[in-house]
């Protein structure tokens, strides 16, 4: 009985380690979309800072 419980705990531990650490790969389109969003946010932030400086 103990061996079965230990085996199940071991298998559960190994499965969670390998599934929780997996990173999702982005497609080239997602990389481009992310870069465009970041650039848009940076431009918007710069515009806000300039507006604040002019006030």
Protein backbone atom coordinates (compact mmCIF):
# COMPACT_ATOMS: atom_id res chain seq x y z
CA UNK A 1 0.00 0.00 0.00
CA UNK A 2 2.79 2.44 0.86
CA UNK A 3 4.56 1.75 -2.41
CA UNK A 4 1.45 2.54 -4.42
CA UNK A 5 0.94 5.84 -2.59
CA UNK A 6 4.61 6.78 -3.02
CA UNK A 7 4.45 5.91 -6.73
CA UNK A 8 1.33 8.04 -7.24
CA UNK A 9 2.82 11.00 -5.35
CA UNK A 10 6.05 10.70 -7.34
CA UNK A 11 4.21 10.56 -10.67
CA UNK A 12 2.04 13.54 -9.71
CA UNK A 13 5.10 15.56 -8.67
CA UNK A 14 6.96 14.83 -11.87
CA UNK A 15 3.93 15.63 -14.04
CA UNK A 16 3.36 19.00 -12.35
CA UNK A 17 7.02 19.97 -12.67
CA UNK A 18 7.10 19.31 -16.39
CA UNK A 19 3.74 20.87 -17.22
CA UNK A 20 3.97 23.98 -15.06
CA UNK A 21 7.38 25.13 -16.31
CA UNK A 22 6.58 24.95 -19.99
CA UNK A 23 6.67 28.28 -21.80
CA UNK A 24 4.42 28.91 -24.72
CA UNK A 25 6.16 29.77 -27.96
CA UNK A 26 4.92 32.84 -29.75
CA UNK A 27 4.33 32.93 -33.45
CA UNK A 28 6.07 35.63 -35.51
CA UNK A 29 2.74 37.44 -35.84
CA UNK A 30 2.35 37.54 -32.06
CA UNK A 31 5.88 38.93 -31.70
CA UNK A 32 5.06 41.70 -34.18
CA UNK A 33 1.76 42.47 -32.47
CA UNK A 34 3.49 42.65 -29.09
CA UNK A 35 6.18 44.98 -30.46
CA UNK A 36 3.58 47.27 -32.05
CA UNK A 37 1.61 47.41 -28.81
CA UNK A 38 4.76 48.24 -26.83
CA UNK A 39 5.70 50.98 -29.30
CA UNK A 40 2.20 52.43 -29.14
CA UNK A 41 2.29 52.45 -25.34
CA UNK A 42 5.71 54.15 -25.36
CA UNK A 43 4.49 56.85 -27.77
CA UNK A 44 1.39 57.44 -25.65
CA UNK A 45 3.49 57.70 -22.47
CA UNK A 46 5.88 60.15 -24.14
CA UNK A 47 2.93 62.26 -25.30
CA UNK A 48 1.53 62.33 -21.78
CA UNK A 49 4.87 63.37 -20.32
CA UNK A 50 5.25 66.12 -22.92
CA UNK A 51 1.73 67.36 -22.20
CA UNK A 52 2.48 67.44 -18.47
CA UNK A 53 5.73 69.31 -19.08
CA UNK A 54 3.98 71.98 -21.15
CA UNK A 55 1.39 72.69 -18.48
